[in-house]
N, C-alpha and C. Protein backbone atom coordinates (compact mmCIF):
# COMPACT_ATOMS: atom_id res chain seq x y z
N MET A 1 5.16 8.52 9.81
CA MET A 1 5.33 8.72 9.14
C MET A 1 6.34 7.86 8.10
N ILE A 2 6.25 8.37 6.94
CA ILE A 2 6.89 7.47 5.43
C ILE A 2 7.89 8.31 5.47
N GLN A 3 8.68 7.29 4.65
CA GLN A 3 9.85 8.21 3.98
C GLN A 3 9.87 7.40 2.53
N LEU A 4 10.59 7.94 1.16
CA LEU A 4 10.57 7.22 0.27
C LEU A 4 12.35 7.37 -0.07
N THR A 5 12.85 6.29 -0.27
CA THR A 5 14.09 5.68 -0.07
C THR A 5 15.28 5.48 -1.60
N PRO A 6 15.93 5.20 -1.93
CA PRO A 6 16.01 5.04 -3.00
C PRO A 6 15.79 3.10 -3.12
N GLN A 7 15.75 2.53 -2.19
CA GLN A 7 15.35 1.40 -1.82
C GLN A 7 14.23 1.03 -2.00
N HIS A 8 13.35 2.23 -2.28
CA HIS A 8 11.85 1.14 -2.21
C HIS A 8 11.48 1.40 -4.12
N LYS A 9 10.55 0.46 -4.54
CA LYS A 9 10.33 0.58 -5.49
C LYS A 9 8.97 1.60 -6.18
N ILE A 10 8.98 2.16 -7.83
CA ILE A 10 8.41 3.51 -7.52
C ILE A 10 7.45 2.84 -8.76
N LEU A 11 6.53 2.74 -8.66
CA LEU A 11 5.51 2.56 -9.77
C LEU A 11 4.51 3.68 -10.06
N MET A 12 4.72 4.85 -11.39
CA MET A 12 4.02 5.58 -12.09
C MET A 12 2.70 5.49 -12.93
N TYR A 13 1.63 5.54 -12.88
CA TYR A 13 0.79 5.17 -13.75
C TYR A 13 0.75 6.39 -14.80
N PRO A 14 1.15 6.25 -16.11
CA PRO A 14 1.38 7.63 -16.66
C PRO A 14 0.04 8.44 -17.33
N GLU A 15 -0.95 7.80 -17.20
CA GLU A 15 -2.85 8.12 -17.58
C GLU A 15 -2.88 8.93 -16.32
N HIS A 16 -3.62 9.67 -16.27
CA HIS A 16 -4.36 10.39 -15.09
C HIS A 16 -5.70 9.53 -14.45
N VAL A 17 -5.79 9.26 -13.10
CA VAL A 17 -6.69 8.81 -12.64
C VAL A 17 -7.85 9.64 -11.90
N ASP A 18 -8.95 8.82 -11.82
CA ASP A 18 -10.36 9.89 -10.84
C ASP A 18 -9.75 9.70 -9.35
N PHE A 19 -9.66 11.08 -9.21
CA PHE A 19 -9.19 11.10 -7.70
C PHE A 19 -10.48 11.20 -6.38
N ARG A 20 -11.21 10.72 -6.76
CA ARG A 20 -12.12 10.51 -6.30
C ARG A 20 -12.00 9.03 -5.66
N LYS A 21 -11.65 8.02 -6.01
CA LYS A 21 -11.15 6.95 -5.96
C LYS A 21 -10.15 7.03 -4.30
N GLY A 22 -10.39 6.21 -3.59
CA GLY A 22 -9.99 5.91 -2.27
C GLY A 22 -9.20 4.96 -2.37
N ILE A 23 -8.69 4.28 -0.87
CA ILE A 23 -7.28 3.54 -1.04
C ILE A 23 -8.03 1.78 -1.26
N ASP A 24 -9.21 1.64 -1.32
CA ASP A 24 -9.87 0.35 -1.90
C ASP A 24 -9.85 0.52 -3.29
N LYS A 25 -10.51 1.57 -4.18
CA LYS A 25 -10.35 1.55 -5.24
C LYS A 25 -9.12 1.10 -6.01
N LEU A 26 -8.08 2.17 -5.23
CA LEU A 26 -6.84 2.19 -6.28
C LEU A 26 -5.69 0.59 -5.84
N VAL A 27 -6.18 0.02 -4.72
CA VAL A 27 -5.23 -1.36 -4.55
C VAL A 27 -6.09 -2.03 -5.42
N GLY A 28 -7.43 -2.09 -5.82
CA GLY A 28 -8.22 -2.79 -7.26
C GLY A 28 -7.48 -2.35 -8.37
N PHE A 29 -7.19 -0.88 -8.32
CA PHE A 29 -6.35 -0.49 -9.75
C PHE A 29 -5.16 -0.99 -9.83
N CYS A 30 -4.35 -0.98 -8.88
CA CYS A 30 -3.12 -1.40 -9.31
C CYS A 30 -2.67 -2.81 -9.06
N ARG A 31 -3.88 -3.64 -8.83
CA ARG A 31 -3.81 -4.51 -9.10
C ARG A 31 -4.14 -5.61 -10.49
N ALA A 32 -5.09 -4.30 -11.20
CA ALA A 32 -5.67 -5.28 -12.34
C ALA A 32 -4.79 -4.09 -13.84
N HIS A 33 -4.03 -2.86 -13.44
CA HIS A 33 -3.74 -2.44 -14.39
C HIS A 33 -1.95 -2.20 -14.35
N LEU A 34 -1.52 -2.36 -13.23
CA LEU A 34 -0.22 -2.36 -12.90
C LEU A 34 0.46 -3.75 -12.84
N ALA A 35 -0.57 -4.48 -12.61
CA ALA A 35 -0.05 -5.93 -11.97
C ALA A 35 1.24 -6.13 -11.49
N CYS A 36 0.94 -5.60 -10.26
CA CYS A 36 1.84 -5.60 -9.10
C CYS A 36 1.29 -5.48 -7.71
N LYS A 37 1.41 -6.45 -6.79
CA LYS A 37 0.85 -6.60 -5.61
C LYS A 37 1.08 -5.20 -4.92
N PRO A 38 0.24 -4.80 -4.52
CA PRO A 38 -0.18 -3.50 -3.62
C PRO A 38 0.46 -3.78 -2.24
N LEU A 39 0.48 -5.28 -1.96
CA LEU A 39 1.04 -5.16 -0.26
C LEU A 39 2.51 -5.69 -0.23
N SER A 40 3.18 -4.95 -1.50
CA SER A 40 5.02 -5.17 -1.85
C SER A 40 5.64 -4.08 -1.12
N GLY A 41 5.10 -2.99 -1.00
CA GLY A 41 5.92 -1.80 -0.23
C GLY A 41 6.12 -0.62 -1.27
N ALA A 42 5.57 -1.58 -2.58
CA ALA A 42 6.09 -0.09 -3.52
C ALA A 42 5.06 0.83 -3.42
N PHE A 43 5.55 2.19 -4.29
CA PHE A 43 5.15 3.56 -3.51
C PHE A 43 4.11 3.54 -5.24
N PHE A 44 3.25 3.34 -5.04
CA PHE A 44 2.28 3.77 -6.55
C PHE A 44 1.69 5.16 -6.69
N CYS A 45 2.43 5.85 -7.63
CA CYS A 45 2.15 7.06 -8.31
C CYS A 45 0.84 7.43 -9.30
N PHE A 46 0.44 8.66 -8.70
CA PHE A 46 -0.67 8.69 -9.55
C PHE A 46 -0.84 10.39 -10.04
N ARG A 47 -1.82 10.65 -10.98
CA ARG A 47 -2.08 12.29 -11.12
C ARG A 47 -3.24 12.48 -11.36
N ASN A 48 -3.98 13.21 -11.30
CA ASN A 48 -5.25 13.85 -11.89
C ASN A 48 -5.15 14.22 -12.93
N ARG A 49 -6.58 14.72 -13.57
CA ARG A 49 -6.61 14.93 -15.01
C ARG A 49 -6.20 16.03 -15.03
N GLN A 50 -6.25 17.37 -14.55
CA GLN A 50 -5.69 18.85 -14.23
C GLN A 50 -3.99 18.96 -14.53
N MET A 51 -3.37 17.95 -13.77
CA MET A 51 -1.93 17.72 -13.10
C MET A 51 -1.66 18.60 -12.51
N THR A 52 -3.22 18.88 -11.36
CA THR A 52 -2.30 19.80 -10.28
C THR A 52 -2.50 18.99 -9.01
N ALA A 53 -2.50 17.59 -9.35
CA ALA A 53 -2.44 16.67 -7.50
C ALA A 53 -1.94 15.55 -8.12
N ILE A 54 -1.14 15.40 -6.85
CA ILE A 54 -0.49 13.58 -6.94
C ILE A 54 -0.90 13.22 -5.75
N LYS A 55 -1.43 11.57 -5.98
CA LYS A 55 -1.99 10.71 -4.87
C LYS A 55 -0.51 9.36 -4.74
N ILE A 56 -0.01 9.34 -3.98
CA ILE A 56 0.95 8.13 -3.40
C ILE A 56 0.01 7.13 -2.60
N LEU A 57 0.40 5.86 -3.15
CA LEU A 57 -0.34 4.75 -2.08
C LEU A 57 0.72 3.85 -1.85
N VAL A 58 0.64 3.31 -0.64
CA VAL A 58 1.71 2.44 -0.24
C VAL A 58 1.19 1.67 0.88
N TYR A 59 1.70 0.34 0.89
CA TYR A 59 1.63 -0.55 2.21
C TYR A 59 2.83 -0.32 3.07
N ASP A 60 2.72 0.34 3.98
CA ASP A 60 4.12 -0.14 5.10
C ASP A 60 4.18 -1.25 6.08
N GLY A 61 3.30 -2.35 5.76
CA GLY A 61 3.51 -3.45 6.40
C GLY A 61 2.31 -3.78 7.50
N THR A 62 1.65 -2.76 8.12
CA THR A 62 0.50 -2.47 8.90
C THR A 62 -0.66 -2.10 8.26
N GLY A 63 -0.57 -1.60 7.38
CA GLY A 63 -1.60 -0.61 6.71
C GLY A 63 -1.41 0.15 5.57
N PHE A 64 -2.04 0.78 4.67
CA PHE A 64 -2.12 1.44 4.12
C PHE A 64 -2.20 2.81 3.94
N TRP A 65 -1.21 3.78 3.14
CA TRP A 65 -1.02 5.22 3.75
C TRP A 65 -1.46 5.49 2.53
N LEU A 66 -2.23 6.92 2.12
CA LEU A 66 -2.69 7.31 1.06
C LEU A 66 -2.27 8.57 0.93
N CYS A 67 -1.32 9.33 0.20
CA CYS A 67 -0.95 10.73 0.63
C CYS A 67 -1.44 11.67 -0.51
N HIS A 68 -2.33 12.33 -0.68
CA HIS A 68 -2.29 13.72 -1.76
C HIS A 68 -1.77 14.72 -1.40
N LYS A 69 -1.11 14.76 -2.55
CA LYS A 69 -0.57 16.60 -2.67
C LYS A 69 -1.06 17.33 -3.89
N ARG A 70 -1.70 18.58 -3.72
CA ARG A 70 -2.57 19.26 -4.25
C ARG A 70 -1.18 20.75 -4.19
N PHE A 71 -0.63 20.85 -5.47
CA PHE A 71 -0.02 22.04 -5.44
C PHE A 71 -0.92 23.33 -5.40
N SER A 72 -0.36 24.12 -4.67
CA SER A 72 -1.35 25.83 -4.37
C SER A 72 -1.16 26.35 -5.79
N GLN A 73 0.05 26.13 -6.26
CA GLN A 73 0.17 26.97 -7.51
C GLN A 73 0.96 26.19 -8.81
N GLY A 74 0.44 26.18 -10.55
CA GLY A 74 1.63 25.11 -11.07
C GLY A 74 0.77 24.04 -11.00
N LYS A 75 0.94 23.47 -11.92
CA LYS A 75 0.58 21.90 -12.51
C LYS A 75 1.92 21.00 -12.65
N ILE A 76 1.78 19.99 -12.42
CA ILE A 76 3.23 18.75 -12.36
C ILE A 76 3.85 19.41 -13.54
N MET A 77 5.25 19.73 -13.29
CA MET A 77 6.05 20.05 -14.44
C MET A 77 6.65 18.94 -15.26
N HIS A 78 6.83 18.01 -14.61
CA HIS A 78 7.47 16.66 -14.99
C HIS A 78 6.74 14.90 -14.92
N TRP A 79 5.98 14.42 -15.90
CA TRP A 79 5.31 13.29 -15.46
C TRP A 79 5.37 12.63 -16.57
N PRO A 80 5.46 10.96 -16.35
CA PRO A 80 6.20 10.29 -17.57
C PRO A 80 5.08 9.96 -19.00
N LYS A 81 4.90 9.97 -19.92
CA LYS A 81 3.97 9.79 -20.76
C LYS A 81 3.73 8.72 -21.00
N SER A 82 4.57 7.31 -21.27
CA SER A 82 4.41 6.24 -21.43
C SER A 82 4.90 5.07 -20.32
N ASP A 83 4.57 4.02 -20.23
CA ASP A 83 5.17 2.95 -19.58
C ASP A 83 6.26 2.89 -19.29
N GLU A 84 7.31 2.61 -20.32
CA GLU A 84 8.34 3.33 -20.56
C GLU A 84 9.33 3.91 -19.59
N GLU A 85 8.75 4.94 -19.65
CA GLU A 85 9.50 6.51 -19.00
C GLU A 85 9.37 6.23 -17.66
N ALA A 86 7.69 5.77 -17.44
CA ALA A 86 7.97 5.09 -15.75
C ALA A 86 8.43 4.06 -15.16
N LYS A 87 8.60 3.34 -15.86
CA LYS A 87 9.84 2.51 -15.36
C LYS A 87 10.98 2.57 -15.16
N ALA A 88 11.46 4.11 -15.52
CA ALA A 88 12.69 4.23 -15.44
C ALA A 88 12.52 5.51 -14.55
N ILE A 89 11.84 5.79 -13.67
CA ILE A 89 11.74 6.87 -12.34
C ILE A 89 12.61 6.32 -11.43
N CYS A 90 12.86 6.75 -10.64
CA CYS A 90 14.22 6.68 -9.18
C CYS A 90 13.31 7.49 -8.33
N CYS A 91 13.66 7.40 -6.79
CA CYS A 91 13.41 8.52 -6.09
C CYS A 91 13.64 9.91 -5.95
N ALA A 92 14.52 9.93 -6.37
CA ALA A 92 15.33 11.54 -6.99
C ALA A 92 14.06 11.83 -8.00
N ASP A 93 13.48 11.16 -8.91
CA ASP A 93 12.73 12.05 -9.96
C ASP A 93 11.55 12.29 -9.37
N VAL A 94 11.22 11.30 -8.26
CA VAL A 94 9.41 11.42 -7.95
C VAL A 94 9.66 12.65 -6.32
N LEU A 95 10.85 12.74 -6.18
CA LEU A 95 11.07 14.08 -5.00
C LEU A 95 11.16 15.32 -5.62
N VAL A 96 11.59 15.21 -7.45
CA VAL A 96 11.82 16.22 -7.93
C VAL A 96 10.19 16.90 -8.71
N ILE A 97 9.67 15.67 -8.74
CA ILE A 97 8.10 16.12 -9.02
C ILE A 97 7.39 16.68 -7.73
N LEU A 98 7.37 16.18 -6.69
CA LEU A 98 6.87 16.63 -5.99
C LEU A 98 7.58 17.74 -5.09
N ASN A 99 8.36 18.28 -5.66
CA ASN A 99 8.85 19.89 -5.48
C ASN A 99 8.66 20.52 -6.66
N GLN A 100 7.45 20.05 -7.76
CA GLN A 100 7.40 21.13 -8.74
C GLN A 100 8.69 21.40 -9.64
N GLY A 101 10.05 20.50 -10.02
CA GLY A 101 10.76 20.56 -10.62
C GLY A 101 11.86 21.10 -9.87
N HIS A 102 11.63 21.70 -8.47
CA HIS A 102 12.91 21.83 -8.20
C HIS A 102 13.58 20.27 -7.68
N ALA A 103 14.84 20.84 -7.94
CA ALA A 103 15.91 19.69 -7.12
C ALA A 103 15.98 19.71 -6.01
N THR A 104 15.86 18.22 -5.28
CA THR A 104 16.35 18.79 -3.52
C THR A 104 17.80 17.92 -3.22
N ARG A 105 18.14 18.35 -2.43
CA ARG A 105 19.34 17.57 -1.90
C ARG A 105 18.96 16.42 -1.00
N LEU A 106 19.67 15.23 -1.31
CA LEU A 106 19.39 14.10 -0.60
C LEU A 106 20.12 14.11 1.05
N GLU A 107 20.18 14.05 1.81
CA GLU A 107 20.92 15.13 2.94
C GLU A 107 20.98 13.74 4.35
N PRO A 108 21.83 13.80 4.81
CA PRO A 108 21.41 12.54 6.36
C PRO A 108 20.46 13.53 7.41
N SER A 109 20.09 12.56 7.61
CA SER A 109 19.05 12.86 8.71
C SER A 109 19.52 13.98 9.76
N TRP A 110 21.03 13.78 9.95
CA TRP A 110 21.65 14.47 11.54
C TRP A 110 22.64 15.13 10.74
N HIS A 111 22.81 16.29 10.87
CA HIS A 111 24.52 16.81 10.93
C HIS A 111 24.73 18.16 11.46
N PRO A 112 25.92 18.41 11.71
CA PRO A 112 26.29 19.24 12.91
C PRO A 112 26.01 20.94 12.46
N LEU A 113 25.48 21.82 13.24
CA LEU A 113 25.04 23.08 12.76
C LEU A 113 26.38 24.04 12.50
N SER A 114 26.28 24.70 11.44
CA SER A 114 27.66 25.58 11.77
C SER A 114 27.79 26.48 12.31
N GLY A 115 29.20 26.27 12.55
CA GLY A 115 29.54 27.26 13.63
C GLY A 115 29.51 26.96 15.43
N SER A 116 28.39 25.96 15.06
CA SER A 116 28.54 25.33 16.85
C SER A 116 29.52 24.34 17.24
N LYS A 117 29.81 24.10 18.48
CA LYS A 117 30.71 23.42 19.30
C LYS A 117 30.33 22.68 20.27
N PRO A 118 30.71 21.03 19.82
CA PRO A 118 30.40 20.37 20.88
C PRO A 118 30.29 20.79 22.06
N THR A 119 29.30 20.74 22.79
CA THR A 119 29.08 21.14 24.55
C THR A 119 29.65 19.47 25.40
N LYS A 120 30.16 19.54 26.48
CA LYS A 120 29.93 18.63 27.39
C LYS A 120 28.72 18.86 27.86
N VAL A 121 28.24 17.47 28.52
CA VAL A 121 27.07 17.11 29.21
C VAL A 121 27.41 16.76 30.48
N ASP A 122 27.32 17.28 31.67
CA ASP A 122 27.59 16.68 33.19
C ASP A 122 26.69 15.59 33.32
N SER A 123 26.71 14.98 34.33
CA SER A 123 25.93 13.64 34.58
C SER A 123 26.00 13.59 35.96
């Protein structure tokens, strides 16, 4: 499993990409059009022509992940229209895009349940 964090570099391509492309073609596309090393650990984000799906390519140190999300309803609501807009995208923006415009709260992975009391564990 991969996790998108504020420390990750996000590279979004503002134009549509042919979604028949797999990992190898997208890696080559990143090198040629985004002038960035695909092995850098950056998240490379792409959209399809109809704006109904997103692909994210990332290298985790042992191999590439290619994540594909197709929206069951609606289209991508917010996508950068220029290279300048794409450079300003951050982690929170990507999470909003992935949730079709609904803001998400970034919370710690662990928090106490409301109304629960700590229990003593007998050893």
